[in-house]
Protein backbone atom coordinates (compact mmCIF):
# COMPACT_ATOMS: atom_id res chain seq x y z
CA MET A 1 -31.08 -40.29 15.12
CA ILE A 2 -33.33 -43.35 15.04
CA ALA A 3 -36.07 -43.78 17.60
CA GLY A 4 -34.38 -41.13 19.71
CA LYS A 5 -31.04 -42.93 19.82
CA THR A 6 -27.86 -42.30 17.88
CA ILE A 7 -26.85 -45.28 15.80
CA GLN A 8 -23.13 -45.65 16.22
CA MET A 9 -21.01 -46.88 13.34
CA ALA A 10 -19.37 -50.24 13.83
CA ASP A 11 -16.41 -50.27 16.16
CA HIS A 12 -13.25 -50.88 14.09
CA GLY A 13 -10.95 -51.40 17.06
CA PRO A 14 -8.64 -54.40 17.42
CA GLY A 15 -10.51 -57.50 18.51
CA SER A 16 -13.87 -55.99 17.77
CA GLY A 17 -16.67 -58.28 16.80
CA THR A 18 -17.52 -55.92 13.93
CA ASP A 19 -14.24 -56.11 11.98
CA ARG A 20 -15.95 -58.51 9.54
CA PHE A 21 -18.01 -55.60 8.20
CA ASP A 22 -14.97 -53.46 7.30
CA ARG A 23 -14.59 -55.07 3.88
CA TYR A 24 -18.05 -54.16 2.68
CA THR A 25 -18.33 -51.21 0.30
CA ARG A 26 -21.95 -51.54 -0.86
CA ILE A 27 -23.48 -52.36 2.53
CA ARG A 28 -22.97 -50.09 5.51
CA ALA A 29 -23.18 -51.55 8.98
CA SER A 30 -23.97 -49.80 12.27
CA ARG A 31 -25.08 -50.94 15.69
CA ALA A 32 -26.81 -49.75 18.82
CA ASP A 33 -28.55 -51.55 21.72
CA GLY A 34 -28.25 -55.03 20.22
CA ILE A 35 -29.58 -53.97 16.77
CA LEU A 36 -27.38 -54.30 13.71
CA THR A 37 -28.50 -51.94 10.96
CA LEU A 38 -27.51 -52.92 7.45
CA MET A 39 -27.90 -50.28 4.77
CA LEU A 40 -27.77 -51.12 1.05
CA SER A 41 -25.59 -48.32 -0.30
CA ASN A 42 -25.03 -47.62 -3.99
CA PRO A 43 -26.60 -44.15 -4.03
CA LYS A 44 -25.47 -43.09 -7.53
CA LEU A 45 -27.57 -46.01 -8.90
CA ARG A 46 -30.47 -45.75 -6.45
CA ASN A 47 -28.88 -48.53 -4.41
CA ALA A 48 -29.07 -50.91 -7.37
CA VAL A 49 -27.36 -54.31 -7.17
CA ASP A 50 -24.18 -54.12 -9.20
CA GLU A 51 -21.55 -56.89 -9.26
CA GLN A 52 -19.93 -55.79 -6.04
CA MET A 53 -23.19 -55.55 -4.09
CA HIS A 54 -24.22 -58.98 -5.40
CA HIS A 55 -20.98 -60.44 -3.97
CA GLU A 56 -21.56 -58.73 -0.68
CA LEU A 57 -25.20 -59.83 -0.41
CA ALA A 58 -24.05 -63.43 -0.69
CA GLN A 59 -21.96 -63.04 2.48
CA ILE A 60 -23.52 -60.30 4.61
CA PHE A 61 -26.21 -62.44 6.29
CA VAL A 62 -23.59 -65.00 7.30
CA ASP A 63 -21.56 -62.27 8.95
CA ALA A 64 -24.70 -60.83 10.59
CA GLN A 65 -25.43 -64.23 12.13
CA GLU A 66 -21.91 -64.44 13.54
CA ASP A 67 -21.97 -60.93 14.96
CA ASP A 68 -21.91 -61.55 18.69
CA ASP A 69 -22.96 -57.99 19.61
CA SER A 70 -26.41 -58.00 17.94
CA ARG A 71 -29.65 -59.86 18.41
CA VAL A 72 -31.78 -58.29 15.70
CA ILE A 73 -31.07 -56.96 12.21
CA VAL A 74 -32.69 -54.01 10.46
CA LEU A 75 -32.28 -53.85 6.69
CA THR A 76 -32.84 -50.63 4.80
CA GLY A 77 -31.59 -48.52 1.88
CA ASP A 78 -29.14 -45.62 1.84
CA PRO A 79 -31.38 -42.52 1.91
CA ASP A 80 -29.03 -40.76 -0.49
CA GLY A 81 -30.09 -43.30 -3.08
CA ASN A 82 -33.79 -42.34 -2.81
CA ALA A 83 -34.68 -46.06 -2.85
CA PHE A 84 -34.51 -49.21 -0.82
CA CYS A 85 -32.92 -50.96 -3.82
CA ALA A 86 -33.61 -50.31 -7.54
CA GLY A 87 -32.93 -53.91 -8.57
CA GLY A 88 -30.19 -55.17 -10.86
CA ASP A 89 -27.81 -52.68 -12.43
CA ILE A 90 -28.65 -52.47 -16.14
CA ALA A 91 -25.08 -51.49 -16.98
CA TRP A 92 -23.83 -54.68 -15.37
CA MET A 93 -26.32 -56.68 -17.49
CA LYS A 94 -25.15 -54.88 -20.62
CA ALA A 95 -21.51 -55.57 -19.85
CA SER A 96 -22.30 -59.23 -19.33
CA LEU A 97 -24.17 -59.43 -22.63
CA GLU A 98 -21.20 -57.90 -24.40
CA GLY A 99 -18.77 -60.36 -22.80
CA LYS A 100 -17.09 -57.60 -20.80
CA GLY A 101 -17.85 -59.11 -17.47
CA LYS A 102 -19.50 -61.98 -15.66
CA GLY A 103 -23.19 -61.71 -14.83
CA PRO A 104 -24.79 -63.06 -11.66
CA GLY A 105 -24.12 -66.73 -11.17
CA VAL A 106 -26.41 -69.46 -9.94
CA SER A 107 -24.41 -70.32 -6.84
CA GLU A 108 -24.03 -66.75 -5.67
CA GLY A 109 -27.65 -65.89 -6.40
CA ARG A 110 -28.76 -68.98 -4.50
CA ARG A 111 -26.50 -68.12 -1.56
CA ILE A 112 -28.15 -64.72 -1.13
CA VAL A 113 -31.57 -66.23 -0.45
CA THR A 114 -30.44 -69.33 1.44
CA SER A 115 -28.20 -67.35 3.77
CA LEU A 116 -31.08 -64.98 4.47
CA LEU A 117 -33.30 -67.94 5.27
CA ASP A 118 -30.60 -69.47 7.45
CA LEU A 119 -30.14 -66.26 9.46
CA GLU A 120 -31.47 -67.18 12.90
CA LYS A 121 -31.67 -63.58 14.18
CA PRO A 122 -34.91 -61.80 13.31
CA ILE A 123 -34.54 -59.31 10.44
CA VAL A 124 -36.78 -56.30 10.08
CA ALA A 125 -37.04 -54.55 6.68
CA ALA A 126 -37.54 -50.78 6.46
CA ILE A 127 -38.51 -50.18 2.83
CA ASN A 128 -37.70 -46.50 2.41
CA GLY A 129 -38.30 -46.17 -1.35
CA PRO A 130 -38.71 -48.45 -4.41
CA ALA A 131 -37.81 -52.06 -3.74
CA VAL A 132 -37.36 -53.59 -7.13
CA GLY A 133 -36.37 -57.05 -8.47
CA LEU A 134 -33.76 -58.61 -6.20
CA GLY A 135 -34.31 -55.68 -3.82
CA ALA A 136 -37.93 -56.69 -3.50
CA THR A 137 -37.03 -60.32 -3.00
CA ILE A 138 -34.64 -59.54 -0.18
CA ALA A 139 -37.12 -57.23 1.55
CA LEU A 140 -39.98 -59.71 1.29
CA PHE A 141 -37.89 -62.55 2.73
CA CYS A 142 -37.39 -60.48 5.88
CA ASP A 143 -39.35 -61.49 8.94
CA VAL A 144 -41.30 -58.27 9.58
CA ILE A 145 -41.62 -55.59 6.90
CA PHE A 146 -42.18 -51.89 7.43
CA MET A 147 -42.82 -49.71 4.38
CA GLY A 148 -42.90 -45.95 3.88
CA THR A 149 -46.11 -44.53 2.46
CA THR A 150 -44.44 -43.39 -0.80
CA ALA A 151 -42.53 -46.62 -1.37
CA GLN A 152 -43.37 -49.30 -3.90
CA VAL A 153 -42.52 -52.96 -4.34
CA ALA A 154 -42.11 -54.52 -7.76
CA ASP A 155 -40.53 -57.59 -9.40
CA PRO A 156 -40.19 -56.51 -13.07
CA HIS A 157 -37.90 -59.29 -14.25
CA VAL A 158 -40.20 -59.99 -17.20
CA ARG A 159 -39.87 -56.42 -18.38
CA VAL A 160 -36.21 -56.99 -19.07
CA GLY A 161 -36.87 -60.39 -20.65
CA LEU A 162 -35.92 -62.40 -17.57
CA VAL A 163 -37.63 -65.09 -15.54
CA ALA A 164 -38.47 -63.95 -11.99
CA GLY A 165 -35.88 -66.41 -10.72
CA ASP A 166 -34.06 -64.76 -7.84
CA GLY A 167 -36.65 -65.80 -5.22
CA GLY A 168 -39.79 -63.91 -6.21
CA ALA A 169 -41.50 -67.09 -7.42
CA VAL A 170 -41.00 -68.50 -3.90
CA ILE A 171 -41.94 -65.63 -1.59
CA TRP A 172 -44.70 -63.74 -3.43
CA PRO A 173 -47.18 -66.64 -3.48
CA GLN A 174 -46.58 -67.31 0.20
CA LEU A 175 -47.49 -63.75 1.10
CA VAL A 176 -50.34 -62.87 -1.26
CA GLY A 177 -51.51 -66.17 -2.80
CA TYR A 178 -50.87 -67.64 -6.20
CA ALA A 179 -53.34 -65.61 -8.26
CA ARG A 180 -52.03 -62.22 -7.12
CA ALA A 181 -48.41 -63.40 -7.20
CA LYS A 182 -48.72 -64.50 -10.82
CA GLU A 183 -50.40 -61.23 -11.75
CA TYR A 184 -47.59 -59.12 -10.36
CA LEU A 185 -44.72 -61.41 -11.42
CA MET A 186 -46.04 -61.82 -14.99
CA THR A 187 -46.70 -58.09 -15.50
CA GLY A 188 -43.91 -56.59 -13.39
CA ASP A 189 -46.38 -54.03 -12.05
CA ALA A 190 -45.43 -52.06 -8.97
CA VAL A 191 -47.44 -52.43 -5.73
CA PRO A 192 -47.96 -49.14 -3.93
CA ALA A 193 -47.53 -49.11 -0.17
CA ALA A 194 -51.23 -48.99 0.73
CA GLU A 195 -52.03 -51.92 -1.57
CA ALA A 196 -49.02 -53.86 -0.30
CA GLU A 197 -50.34 -53.62 3.23
CA ARG A 198 -53.92 -54.41 2.17
CA ILE A 199 -53.00 -57.68 0.44
CA GLY A 200 -50.53 -58.75 3.10
CA LEU A 201 -47.30 -58.23 1.16
CA VAL A 202 -45.90 -56.20 4.06
CA ASN A 203 -46.73 -55.86 7.76
CA TYR A 204 -46.92 -52.12 8.32
CA VAL A 205 -47.09 -48.95 6.23
CA VAL A 206 -46.07 -45.82 8.11
CA PRO A 207 -45.27 -42.22 7.15
CA ASP A 208 -41.88 -41.85 5.50
CA ASP A 209 -40.57 -39.55 8.21
CA VAL A 210 -41.08 -42.09 10.98
CA LEU A 211 -40.26 -45.29 9.03
CA GLN A 212 -36.80 -45.81 10.53
CA ALA A 213 -38.00 -44.99 14.02
CA GLU A 214 -40.91 -47.41 13.84
CA ALA A 215 -38.79 -50.20 12.35
CA HIS A 216 -36.16 -49.75 15.06
CA LYS A 217 -38.80 -49.53 17.78
CA PHE A 218 -40.11 -52.92 16.74
CA ALA A 219 -36.56 -54.27 16.45
CA SER A 220 -35.87 -53.06 20.00
CA ARG A 221 -38.90 -55.01 21.21
CA LEU A 222 -37.45 -58.16 19.69
CA ALA A 223 -34.00 -57.42 21.02
CA ALA A 224 -35.44 -57.25 24.52
CA GLY A 225 -37.09 -60.67 24.14
CA ALA A 226 -35.75 -64.17 24.82
CA PRO A 227 -33.24 -64.58 21.96
CA GLN A 228 -33.22 -68.40 21.70
CA ALA A 229 -37.03 -68.65 21.86
CA ILE A 230 -37.38 -66.01 19.15
CA GLN A 231 -34.72 -67.41 16.90
CA HIS A 232 -35.95 -70.99 17.11
CA THR A 233 -39.53 -69.88 16.50
CA LYS A 234 -38.31 -68.14 13.35
CA ALA A 235 -36.36 -71.24 12.33
CA ALA A 236 -39.50 -73.43 12.70
CA VAL A 237 -41.59 -71.05 10.56
CA ASN A 238 -38.83 -70.83 7.92
CA MET A 239 -38.67 -74.61 7.45
CA GLU A 240 -41.38 -74.54 4.78
CA LEU A 241 -39.71 -71.65 2.99
CA LYS A 242 -36.47 -73.60 3.02
CA ARG A 243 -38.23 -76.60 1.49
CA LEU A 244 -39.59 -74.39 -1.26
CA ALA A 245 -36.19 -72.81 -1.80
CA ALA A 246 -34.80 -76.28 -2.42
CA THR A 247 -37.30 -76.95 -5.18
CA VAL A 248 -39.09 -73.94 -6.65
CA PHE A 249 -36.22 -71.54 -6.12
CA ASP A 250 -33.62 -73.80 -7.71
CA ALA A 251 -35.81 -74.34 -10.75
CA SER A 252 -36.73 -70.68 -11.16
CA LEU A 253 -33.11 -69.63 -10.81
CA ALA A 254 -32.10 -72.10 -13.52
CA TYR A 255 -34.87 -70.70 -15.78
CA GLU A 256 -33.58 -67.17 -15.13
CA MET A 257 -30.03 -68.15 -16.12
CA ILE A 258 -31.41 -69.50 -19.42
CA SER A 259 -33.37 -66.30 -20.02
CA PHE A 260 -30.15 -64.26 -19.67
CA THR A 261 -29.00 -65.89 -22.92
CA LYS A 262 -32.11 -65.01 -24.93
CA ASP A 263 -32.59 -62.25 -27.55
CA ASP A 264 -35.56 -60.80 -25.63
CA HIS A 265 -33.25 -59.97 -22.70
CA ARG A 266 -30.72 -58.38 -25.00
CA GLU A 267 -33.48 -56.34 -26.65
CA ALA A 268 -34.93 -55.26 -23.28
CA VAL A 269 -31.53 -54.01 -22.05
CA THR A 270 -30.84 -52.16 -25.28
CA ALA A 271 -34.31 -50.62 -25.31
CA PHE A 272 -33.90 -49.48 -21.67
CA LEU A 273 -30.60 -47.78 -22.41
CA GLU A 274 -32.02 -46.20 -25.62
CA LYS A 275 -35.16 -45.11 -23.69
CA ARG A 276 -37.62 -46.85 -25.92
CA LYS A 277 -40.20 -49.63 -25.67
CA PRO A 278 -38.71 -53.09 -26.28
CA ALA A 279 -39.95 -55.21 -29.22
CA PHE A 280 -40.02 -58.78 -27.86
CA THR A 281 -39.94 -61.66 -30.37
CA GLY A 282 -40.03 -64.66 -28.10
CA ASN A 283 -36.46 -65.65 -28.98
């Protein structure tokens, strides 16, 4: 139950406007009263972004835009994962370093953020646990952000020897200013919910047990509004973010791809798996 209403799973019947969501395995879709709820779901890894979820994130916001039966999107994490999204899957990073798989590519990484910015429908985030790395980026690019009292937001790319290139360098300064953004992006420190609300990183912090209800209550308010007026207002506000995405984001993403090839990243991944502190050398 969310806000007193049962959220029905997407209709899989012939001709349904929700068939496009059937192919997703890491993102669960459901709908009620004009609200499409998208749930990041990789519970065994705390809803971390593995290769499959990365693929799906690059397409889901396009499909959400084309879903004729919804006016508003709510984005949250699978509660069984005890997180909104724990960031990039370390095992995927390790496999890529060992040549056993392909890591995240520039074009797909860029498409995740640009498709989210291009989404005309308002999107409300319900951060129901740690939102880390790419998970934090996706949450912070949403239009209105609700956060549970025990949740945290962090972009710890630097802690695994990577540049904060998946969008954090774009959105954090816009929300909290350059000084605070650089502090959190250069340290990777987590921002607790109360502090996130105080500095303007998120809109609302509410008790964990009413987070989904409050997020859906706000989404219902938007769903009852004039859709074109709301969507075009969002589009106007997003124009500056799109301009930044075409400059800062592209550069930061390129820097991140370079950092994937460095010894410091390899050392950070190895240290994480060996449960020890990494010894960075600057190489």
